[in-house]
Amino acid sequence: MEKKTKAAEPEGKLMIDVILSSEIIVDSYGKLTYAIKEAISVGEIEKLKQFHSKYLYFFEKSFKRLNKSEKEFIRRWIDDKKGAVHERINESADR
């Protein structure tokens, strides 16, 4: 039996695309973490930035579930001019 997230995902579309195009986000952190991991694996930096800006709270909660190399990828590419993203991400990683 397929999971609901797979059934709702159109063929060939990344999970992060499905989430970004949704009006309502019902979070199961597993789904969001999967979307972030999938976007990292294909190098979708702009989509990660969009996801971060649109769903900051969920992004930061899902960040805790990433492995070390994925966290480094995020730290390297998702940045704002004030460096606030790095500070928040570093704080959440330390918890």
PDB file of N, CA and C in Angstrom:
ATOM      1  N   MET A   1       0.834  -1.183   0.000  1.00  0.00           N
ATOM      2  CA  MET A   1       0.000   0.000   0.000  1.00  0.00           C
ATOM      3  C   MET A   1       0.879   1.246   0.000  1.00  0.00           C
ATOM      4  N   GLU A   2       0.619   2.152  -0.932  1.00  0.00           N
ATOM      5  CA  GLU A   2       1.410   3.363  -1.016  1.00  0.00           C
ATOM      6  C   GLU A   2       0.976   4.383   0.029  1.00  0.00           C
ATOM      7  N   LYS A   3       1.937   5.170   0.467  1.00  0.00           N
ATOM      8  CA  LYS A   3       1.630   6.243   1.402  1.00  0.00           C
ATOM      9  C   LYS A   3       0.836   7.331   0.690  1.00  0.00           C
ATOM     10  N   LYS A   4       0.094   8.101   1.463  1.00  0.00           N
ATOM     11  CA  LYS A   4      -0.684   9.195   0.912  1.00  0.00           C
ATOM     12  C   LYS A   4       0.169  10.205   0.175  1.00  0.00           C
ATOM     13  N   THR A   5       1.346  10.485   0.687  1.00  0.00           N
ATOM     14  CA  THR A   5       2.199  11.488   0.063  1.00  0.00           C
ATOM     15  C   THR A   5       2.619  11.059  -1.339  1.00  0.00           C
ATOM     16  N   LYS A   6       2.851   9.782  -1.521  1.00  0.00           N
ATOM     17  CA  LYS A   6       3.215   9.292  -2.848  1.00  0.00           C
ATOM     18  C   LYS A   6       2.024   9.347  -3.797  1.00  0.00           C
ATOM     19  N   ALA A   7       0.850   9.031  -3.313  1.00  0.00           N
ATOM     20  CA  ALA A   7      -0.345   9.039  -4.151  1.00  0.00           C
ATOM     21  C   ALA A   7      -0.678  10.456  -4.621  1.00  0.00           C
ATOM     22  N   ALA A   8      -0.417  11.442  -3.779  1.00  0.00           N
ATOM     23  CA  ALA A   8      -0.725  12.828  -4.121  1.00  0.00           C
ATOM     24  C   ALA A   8       0.350  13.461  -4.998  1.00  0.00           C
ATOM     25  N   GLU A   9       1.501  12.852  -5.059  1.00  0.00           N
ATOM     26  CA  GLU A   9       2.622  13.406  -5.804  1.00  0.00           C
ATOM     27  C   GLU A   9       2.493  13.059  -7.286  1.00  0.00           C
ATOM     28  N   PRO A  10       2.376  14.075  -8.167  1.00  0.00           N
ATOM     29  CA  PRO A  10       2.305  13.796  -9.601  1.00  0.00           C
ATOM     30  C   PRO A  10       3.610  13.157 -10.086  1.00  0.00           C
ATOM     31  N   GLU A  11       3.485  12.363 -11.105  1.00  0.00           N
ATOM     32  CA  GLU A  11       4.642  11.641 -11.640  1.00  0.00           C
ATOM     33  C   GLU A  11       5.729  12.605 -12.106  1.00  0.00           C
ATOM     34  N   GLY A  12       6.955  12.389 -11.649  1.00  0.00           N
ATOM     35  CA  GLY A  12       8.098  13.180 -12.064  1.00  0.00           C
ATOM     36  C   GLY A  12       8.240  14.523 -11.373  1.00  0.00           C
ATOM     37  N   LYS A  13       7.393  14.817 -10.426  1.00  0.00           N
ATOM     38  CA  LYS A  13       7.454  16.094  -9.710  1.00  0.00           C
ATOM     39  C   LYS A  13       8.082  15.866  -8.343  1.00  0.00           C
ATOM     40  N   LEU A  14       8.970  16.766  -7.942  1.00  0.00           N
ATOM     41  CA  LEU A  14       9.602  16.654  -6.635  1.00  0.00           C
ATOM     42  C   LEU A  14       8.595  16.962  -5.531  1.00  0.00           C
ATOM     43  N   MET A  15       8.781  16.346  -4.391  1.00  0.00           N
ATOM     44  CA  MET A  15       7.897  16.581  -3.250  1.00  0.00           C
ATOM     45  C   MET A  15       7.908  18.054  -2.841  1.00  0.00           C
ATOM     46  N   ILE A  16       9.066  18.697  -2.950  1.00  0.00           N
ATOM     47  CA  ILE A  16       9.145  20.107  -2.573  1.00  0.00           C
ATOM     48  C   ILE A  16       8.270  20.970  -3.488  1.00  0.00           C
ATOM     49  N   ASP A  17       8.143  20.587  -4.763  1.00  0.00           N
ATOM     50  CA  ASP A  17       7.258  21.302  -5.686  1.00  0.00           C
ATOM     51  C   ASP A  17       5.805  21.173  -5.254  1.00  0.00           C
ATOM     52  N   VAL A  18       5.439  19.979  -4.835  1.00  0.00           N
ATOM     53  CA  VAL A  18       4.074  19.728  -4.375  1.00  0.00           C
ATOM     54  C   VAL A  18       3.777  20.569  -3.139  1.00  0.00           C
ATOM     55  N   ILE A  19       4.718  20.619  -2.212  1.00  0.00           N
ATOM     56  CA  ILE A  19       4.534  21.386  -0.980  1.00  0.00           C
ATOM     57  C   ILE A  19       4.470  22.881  -1.278  1.00  0.00           C
ATOM     58  N   LEU A  20       5.357  23.369  -2.128  1.00  0.00           N
ATOM     59  CA  LEU A  20       5.378  24.801  -2.447  1.00  0.00           C
ATOM     60  C   LEU A  20       4.118  25.247  -3.178  1.00  0.00           C
ATOM     61  N   SER A  21       3.533  24.368  -3.961  1.00  0.00           N
ATOM     62  CA  SER A  21       2.322  24.736  -4.702  1.00  0.00           C
ATOM     63  C   SER A  21       1.051  24.551  -3.890  1.00  0.00           C
ATOM     64  N   SER A  22       1.159  23.961  -2.714  1.00  0.00           N
ATOM     65  CA  SER A  22      -0.008  23.739  -1.866  1.00  0.00           C
ATOM     66  C   SER A  22      -0.411  25.024  -1.162  1.00  0.00           C
ATOM     67  N   GLU A  23      -1.706  25.183  -0.989  1.00  0.00           N
ATOM     68  CA  GLU A  23      -2.218  26.331  -0.231  1.00  0.00           C
ATOM     69  C   GLU A  23      -2.087  26.069   1.264  1.00  0.00           C
ATOM     70  N   ILE A  24      -2.314  24.848   1.674  1.00  0.00           N
ATOM     71  CA  ILE A  24      -2.286  24.471   3.088  1.00  0.00           C
ATOM     72  C   ILE A  24      -1.214  23.412   3.263  1.00  0.00           C
ATOM     73  N   ILE A  25      -0.450  23.541   4.316  1.00  0.00           N
ATOM     74  CA  ILE A  25       0.561  22.530   4.605  1.00  0.00           C
ATOM     75  C   ILE A  25       0.155  21.792   5.873  1.00  0.00           C
ATOM     76  N   VAL A  26      -0.042  20.519   5.719  1.00  0.00           N
ATOM     77  CA  VAL A  26      -0.320  19.667   6.871  1.00  0.00           C
ATOM     78  C   VAL A  26       0.986  18.936   7.121  1.00  0.00           C
ATOM     79  N   ASP A  27       1.580  19.238   8.245  1.00  0.00           N
ATOM     80  CA  ASP A  27       2.928  18.737   8.459  1.00  0.00           C
ATOM     81  C   ASP A  27       2.971  17.390   9.129  1.00  0.00           C
ATOM     82  N   SER A  28       3.667  16.551   8.484  1.00  0.00           N
ATOM     83  CA  SER A  28       4.252  15.400   9.151  1.00  0.00           C
ATOM     84  C   SER A  28       5.727  15.625   8.846  1.00  0.00           C
ATOM     85  N   TYR A  29       6.510  15.802   9.865  1.00  0.00           N
ATOM     86  CA  TYR A  29       7.906  16.195   9.637  1.00  0.00           C
ATOM     87  C   TYR A  29       8.638  15.215   8.736  1.00  0.00           C
ATOM     88  N   GLY A  30       8.198  13.988   8.707  1.00  0.00           N
ATOM     89  CA  GLY A  30       8.826  13.029   7.812  1.00  0.00           C
ATOM     90  C   GLY A  30       8.676  13.436   6.363  1.00  0.00           C
ATOM     91  N   LYS A  31       7.485  13.933   5.999  1.00  0.00           N
ATOM     92  CA  LYS A  31       7.235  14.350   4.627  1.00  0.00           C
ATOM     93  C   LYS A  31       8.070  15.586   4.285  1.00  0.00           C
ATOM     94  N   LEU A  32       8.133  16.531   5.206  1.00  0.00           N
ATOM     95  CA  LEU A  32       8.901  17.746   4.949  1.00  0.00           C
ATOM     96  C   LEU A  32      10.390  17.457   4.901  1.00  0.00           C
ATOM     97  N   THR A  33      10.854  16.616   5.795  1.00  0.00           N
ATOM     98  CA  THR A  33      12.263  16.233   5.793  1.00  0.00           C
ATOM     99  C   THR A  33      12.608  15.507   4.500  1.00  0.00           C
ATOM    100  N   TYR A  34      11.711  14.621   4.062  1.00  0.00           N
ATOM    101  CA  TYR A  34      11.914  13.921   2.792  1.00  0.00           C
ATOM    102  C   TYR A  34      12.022  14.920   1.639  1.00  0.00           C
ATOM    103  N   ALA A  35      11.157  15.924   1.632  1.00  0.00           N
ATOM    104  CA  ALA A  35      11.174  16.930   0.567  1.00  0.00           C
ATOM    105  C   ALA A  35      12.489  17.706   0.565  1.00  0.00           C
ATOM    106  N   ILE A  36      12.975  18.057   1.746  1.00  0.00           N
ATOM    107  CA  ILE A  36      14.246  18.780   1.844  1.00  0.00           C
ATOM    108  C   ILE A  36      15.399  17.898   1.371  1.00  0.00           C
ATOM    109  N   LYS A  37      15.425  16.656   1.826  1.00  0.00           N
ATOM    110  CA  LYS A  37      16.486  15.727   1.412  1.00  0.00           C
ATOM    111  C   LYS A  37      16.466  15.508  -0.093  1.00  0.00           C
ATOM    112  N   GLU A  38      15.275  15.363  -0.655  1.00  0.00           N
ATOM    113  CA  GLU A  38      15.130  15.148  -2.091  1.00  0.00           C
ATOM    114  C   GLU A  38      15.636  16.368  -2.873  1.00  0.00           C
ATOM    115  N   ALA A  39      15.291  17.569  -2.410  1.00  0.00           N
ATOM    116  CA  ALA A  39      15.735  18.797  -3.079  1.00  0.00           C
ATOM    117  C   ALA A  39      17.251  18.958  -2.980  1.00  0.00           C
ATOM    118  N   ILE A  40      17.825  18.596  -1.844  1.00  0.00           N
ATOM    119  CA  ILE A  40      19.282  18.650  -1.682  1.00  0.00           C
ATOM    120  C   ILE A  40      19.949  17.684  -2.654  1.00  0.00           C
ATOM    121  N   SER A  41      19.399  16.485  -2.774  1.00  0.00           N
ATOM    122  CA  SER A  41      20.027  15.468  -3.626  1.00  0.00           C
ATOM    123  C   SER A  41      20.060  15.859  -5.102  1.00  0.00           C
ATOM    124  N   VAL A  42      19.096  16.678  -5.539  1.00  0.00           N
ATOM    125  CA  VAL A  42      19.095  17.110  -6.938  1.00  0.00           C
ATOM    126  C   VAL A  42      19.582  18.549  -7.102  1.00  0.00           C
ATOM    127  N   GLY A  43      19.985  19.183  -5.987  1.00  0.00           N
ATOM    128  CA  GLY A  43      20.571  20.510  -6.043  1.00  0.00           C
ATOM    129  C   GLY A  43      19.596  21.648  -6.301  1.00  0.00           C
ATOM    130  N   GLU A  44      18.383  21.525  -5.835  1.00  0.00           N
ATOM    131  CA  GLU A  44      17.357  22.553  -6.031  1.00  0.00           C
ATOM    132  C   GLU A  44      17.479  23.655  -4.978  1.00  0.00           C
ATOM    133  N   ILE A  45      18.497  24.470  -5.113  1.00  0.00           N
ATOM    134  CA  ILE A  45      18.795  25.506  -4.124  1.00  0.00           C
ATOM    135  C   ILE A  45      17.688  26.552  -4.055  1.00  0.00           C
ATOM    136  N   GLU A  46      17.216  27.014  -5.201  1.00  0.00           N
ATOM    137  CA  GLU A  46      16.174  28.045  -5.214  1.00  0.00           C
ATOM    138  C   GLU A  46      14.879  27.544  -4.566  1.00  0.00           C
ATOM    139  N   LYS A  47      14.549  26.300  -4.791  1.00  0.00           N
ATOM    140  CA  LYS A  47      13.339  25.747  -4.169  1.00  0.00           C
ATOM    141  C   LYS A  47      13.507  25.600  -2.658  1.00  0.00           C
ATOM    142  N   LEU A  48      14.711  25.258  -2.232  1.00  0.00           N
ATOM    143  CA  LEU A  48      14.981  25.204  -0.797  1.00  0.00           C
ATOM    144  C   LEU A  48      14.849  26.592  -0.175  1.00  0.00           C
ATOM    145  N   LYS A  49      15.339  27.609  -0.878  1.00  0.00           N
ATOM    146  CA  LYS A  49      15.218  28.976  -0.380  1.00  0.00           C
ATOM    147  C   LYS A  49      13.745  29.394  -0.301  1.00  0.00           C
ATOM    148  N   GLN A  50      12.967  29.030  -1.317  1.00  0.00           N
ATOM    149  CA  GLN A  50      11.532  29.341  -1.302  1.00  0.00           C
ATOM    150  C   GLN A  50      10.844  28.636  -0.146  1.00  0.00           C
ATOM    151  N   PHE A  51      11.160  27.375   0.031  1.00  0.00           N
ATOM    152  CA  PHE A  51      10.577  26.595   1.118  1.00  0.00           C
ATOM    153  C   PHE A  51      10.937  27.220   2.464  1.00  0.00           C
ATOM    154  N   HIS A  52      12.194  27.620   2.606  1.00  0.00           N
ATOM    155  CA  HIS A  52      12.663  28.238   3.841  1.00  0.00           C
ATOM    156  C   HIS A  52      11.901  29.530   4.125  1.00  0.00           C
ATOM    157  N   SER A  53      11.738  30.368   3.111  1.00  0.00           N
ATOM    158  CA  SER A  53      11.070  31.649   3.344  1.00  0.00           C
ATOM    159  C   SER A  53       9.566  31.490   3.542  1.00  0.00           C
ATOM    160  N   LYS A  54       8.967  30.516   2.895  1.00  0.00           N
ATOM    161  CA  LYS A  54       7.510  30.325   3.000  1.00  0.00           C
ATOM    162  C   LYS A  54       7.113  29.598   4.284  1.00  0.00           C
ATOM    163  N   TYR A  55       7.911  28.619   4.683  1.00  0.00           N
ATOM    164  CA  TYR A  55       7.580  27.773   5.841  1.00  0.00           C
ATOM    165  C   TYR A  55       8.762  27.719   6.812  1.00  0.00           C
ATOM    166  N   LEU A  56       9.183  28.871   7.310  1.00  0.00           N
ATOM    167  CA  LEU A  56      10.360  28.957   8.165  1.00  0.00           C
ATOM    168  C   LEU A  56      10.286  28.021   9.370  1.00  0.00           C
ATOM    169  N   TYR A  57       9.168  28.044  10.078  1.00  0.00           N
ATOM    170  CA  TYR A  57       9.027  27.216  11.279  1.00  0.00           C
ATOM    171  C   TYR A  57       9.199  25.737  10.947  1.00  0.00           C
ATOM    172  N   PHE A  58       8.505  25.258   9.927  1.00  0.00           N
ATOM    173  CA  PHE A  58       8.588  23.843   9.548  1.00  0.00           C
ATOM    174  C   PHE A  58       9.971  23.494   9.019  1.00  0.00           C
ATOM    175  N   PHE A  59      10.583  24.427   8.297  1.00  0.00           N
ATOM    176  CA  PHE A  59      11.925  24.197   7.773  1.00  0.00           C
ATOM    177  C   PHE A  59      12.908  23.975   8.916  1.00  0.00           C
ATOM    178  N   GLU A  60      12.846  24.851   9.907  1.00  0.00           N
ATOM    179  CA  GLU A  60      13.785  24.743  11.023  1.00  0.00           C
ATOM    180  C   GLU A  60      13.539  23.489  11.856  1.00  0.00           C
ATOM    181  N   LYS A  61      12.295  23.077  12.005  1.00  0.00           N
ATOM    182  CA  LYS A  61      12.001  21.839  12.740  1.00  0.00           C
ATOM    183  C   LYS A  61      12.488  20.615  11.959  1.00  0.00           C
ATOM    184  N   SER A  62      12.351  20.649  10.656  1.00  0.00           N
ATOM    185  CA  SER A  62      12.808  19.533   9.826  1.00  0.00           C
ATOM    186  C   SER A  62      14.322  19.480   9.742  1.00  0.00           C
ATOM    187  N   PHE A  63      14.975  20.630   9.875  1.00  0.00           N
ATOM    188  CA  PHE A  63      16.431  20.717   9.804  1.00  0.00           C
ATOM    189  C   PHE A  63      17.097  19.778  10.812  1.00  0.00           C
ATOM    190  N   LYS A  64      16.488  19.625  11.966  1.00  0.00           N
ATOM    191  CA  LYS A  64      17.054  18.765  13.013  1.00  0.00           C
ATOM    192  C   LYS A  64      17.152  17.307  12.578  1.00  0.00           C
ATOM    193  N   ARG A  65      16.362  16.920  11.616  1.00  0.00           N
ATOM    194  CA  ARG A  65      16.320  15.525  11.175  1.00  0.00           C
ATOM    195  C   ARG A  65      17.250  15.217   9.996  1.00  0.00           C
ATOM    196  N   LEU A  66      18.006  16.213   9.557  1.00  0.00           N
ATOM    197  CA  LEU A  66      18.937  16.016   8.452  1.00  0.00           C
ATOM    198  C   LEU A  66      20.271  15.494   8.962  1.00  0.00           C
ATOM    199  N   ASN A  67      20.988  14.797   8.091  1.00  0.00           N
ATOM    200  CA  ASN A  67      22.321  14.339   8.497  1.00  0.00           C
ATOM    201  C   ASN A  67      23.332  15.478   8.335  1.00  0.00           C
ATOM    202  N   LYS A  68      24.540  15.243   8.776  1.00  0.00           N
ATOM    203  CA  LYS A  68      25.566  16.291   8.836  1.00  0.00           C
ATOM    204  C   LYS A  68      25.850  16.911   7.467  1.00  0.00           C
ATOM    205  N   SER A  69      26.000  16.107   6.445  1.00  0.00           N
ATOM    206  CA  SER A  69      26.316  16.654   5.127  1.00  0.00           C
ATOM    207  C   SER A  69      25.154  17.473   4.558  1.00  0.00           C
ATOM    208  N   GLU A  70      23.933  17.062   4.848  1.00  0.00           N
ATOM    209  CA  GLU A  70      22.765  17.830   4.391  1.00  0.00           C
ATOM    210  C   GLU A  70      22.674  19.167   5.121  1.00  0.00           C
ATOM    211  N   LYS A  71      22.976  19.171   6.408  1.00  0.00           N
ATOM    212  CA  LYS A  71      22.987  20.416   7.175  1.00  0.00           C
ATOM    213  C   LYS A  71      24.053  21.364   6.638  1.00  0.00           C
ATOM    214  N   GLU A  72      25.215  20.830   6.279  1.00  0.00           N
ATOM    215  CA  GLU A  72      26.277  21.657   5.714  1.00  0.00           C
ATOM    216  C   GLU A  72      25.861  22.255   4.371  1.00  0.00           C
ATOM    217  N   PHE A  73      25.173  21.464   3.559  1.00  0.00           N
ATOM    218  CA  PHE A  73      24.667  21.955   2.281  1.00  0.00           C
ATOM    219  C   PHE A  73      23.731  23.137   2.512  1.00  0.00           C
ATOM    220  N   ILE A  74      22.834  22.999   3.463  1.00  0.00           N
ATOM    221  CA  ILE A  74      21.888  24.069   3.797  1.00  0.00           C
ATOM    222  C   ILE A  74      22.642  25.297   4.290  1.00  0.00           C
ATOM    223  N   ARG A  75      23.573  25.106   5.173  1.00  0.00           N
ATOM    224  CA  ARG A  75      24.342  26.239   5.719  1.00  0.00           C
ATOM    225  C   ARG A  75      25.110  26.982   4.624  1.00  0.00           C
ATOM    226  N   ARG A  76      25.574  26.232   3.634  1.00  0.00           N
ATOM    227  CA  ARG A  76      26.367  26.827   2.559  1.00  0.00           C
ATOM    228  C   ARG A  76      25.504  27.633   1.594  1.00  0.00           C
ATOM    229  N   TRP A  77      24.306  27.141   1.294  1.00  0.00           N
ATOM    230  CA  TRP A  77      23.524  27.742   0.223  1.00  0.00           C
ATOM    231  C   TRP A  77      22.366  28.628   0.676  1.00  0.00           C
ATOM    232  N   ILE A  78      21.767  28.333   1.787  1.00  0.00           N
ATOM    233  CA  ILE A  78      20.635  29.139   2.228  1.00  0.00           C
ATOM    234  C   ILE A  78      21.180  30.208   3.138  1.00  0.00           C
ATOM    235  N   ASP A  79      21.171  31.402   2.644  1.00  0.00           N
ATOM    236  CA  ASP A  79      21.789  32.507   3.365  1.00  0.00           C
ATOM    237  C   ASP A  79      20.947  33.753   3.135  1.00  0.00           C
ATOM    238  N   ASP A  80      20.950  34.628   4.101  1.00  0.00           N
ATOM    239  CA  ASP A  80      20.376  35.950   3.889  1.00  0.00           C
ATOM    240  C   ASP A  80      21.444  36.976   4.208  1.00  0.00           C
ATOM    241  N   LYS A  81      21.194  38.214   3.867  1.00  0.00           N
ATOM    242  CA  LYS A  81      22.226  39.248   3.968  1.00  0.00           C
ATOM    243  C   LYS A  81      22.699  39.480   5.388  1.00  0.00           C
ATOM    244  N   LYS A  82      21.845  39.276   6.355  1.00  0.00           N
ATOM    245  CA  LYS A  82      22.205  39.534   7.745  1.00  0.00           C
ATOM    246  C   LYS A  82      22.810  38.319   8.441  1.00  0.00           C
ATOM    247  N   GLY A  83      22.783  37.163   7.804  1.00  0.00           N
ATOM    248  CA  GLY A  83      23.316  35.963   8.427  1.00  0.00           C
ATOM    249  C   GLY A  83      22.391  35.355   9.462  1.00  0.00           C
ATOM    250  N   ALA A  84      21.151  35.825   9.526  1.00  0.00           N
ATOM    251  CA  ALA A  84      20.209  35.355  10.542  1.00  0.00           C
ATOM    252  C   ALA A  84      19.866  33.883  10.346  1.00  0.00           C
ATOM    253  N   VAL A  85      19.824  33.446   9.113  1.00  0.00           N
ATOM    254  CA  VAL A  85      19.499  32.043   8.855  1.00  0.00           C
ATOM    255  C   VAL A  85      20.550  31.151   9.486  1.00  0.00           C
ATOM    256  N   HIS A  86      21.802  31.496   9.306  1.00  0.00           N
ATOM    257  CA  HIS A  86      22.884  30.696   9.876  1.00  0.00           C
ATOM    258  C   HIS A  86      22.795  30.651  11.396  1.00  0.00           C
ATOM    259  N   GLU A  87      22.482  31.773  12.001  1.00  0.00           N
ATOM    260  CA  GLU A  87      22.373  31.801  13.454  1.00  0.00           C
ATOM    261  C   GLU A  87      21.250  30.892  13.941  1.00  0.00           C
ATOM    262  N   ARG A  88      20.086  30.976  13.301  1.00  0.00           N
ATOM    263  CA  ARG A  88      18.953  30.138  13.708  1.00  0.00           C
ATOM    264  C   ARG A  88      19.253  28.663  13.468  1.00  0.00           C
ATOM    265  N   ILE A  89      19.857  28.353  12.331  1.00  0.00           N
ATOM    266  CA  ILE A  89      20.165  26.960  12.019  1.00  0.00           C
ATOM    267  C   ILE A  89      21.196  26.419  13.000  1.00  0.00           C
ATOM    268  N   ASN A  90      22.214  27.200  13.300  1.00  0.00           N
ATOM    269  CA  ASN A  90      23.234  26.753  14.254  1.00  0.00           C
ATOM    270  C   ASN A  90      22.630  26.542  15.640  1.00  0.00           C
ATOM    271  N   GLU A  91      21.728  27.420  16.036  1.00  0.00           N
ATOM    272  CA  GLU A  91      21.069  27.262  17.338  1.00  0.00           C
ATOM    273  C   GLU A  91      20.237  25.983  17.376  1.00  0.00           C
ATOM    274  N   SER A  92      19.486  25.722  16.299  1.00  0.00           N
ATOM    275  CA  SER A  92      18.628  24.529  16.296  1.00  0.00           C
ATOM    276  C   SER A  92      19.461  23.254  16.236  1.00  0.00           C
ATOM    277  N   ALA A  93      20.633  23.307  15.618  1.00  0.00           N
ATOM    278  CA  ALA A  93      21.497  22.135  15.537  1.00  0.00           C
ATOM    279  C   ALA A  93      22.120  21.821  16.902  1.00  0.00           C
ATOM    280  N   ASP A  94      22.312  22.854  17.700  1.00  0.00           N
ATOM    281  CA  ASP A  94      22.927  22.670  19.012  1.00  0.00           C
ATOM    282  C   ASP A  94      21.956  22.097  20.050  1.00  0.00           C
ATOM    283  N   ARG A  95      20.674  22.171  19.781  1.00  0.00           N
ATOM    284  CA  ARG A  95      19.689  21.692  20.762  1.00  0.00           C
ATOM    285  C   ARG A  95      19.611  20.213  20.843  1.00  0.00           C
TER     286      ARG A  95
END
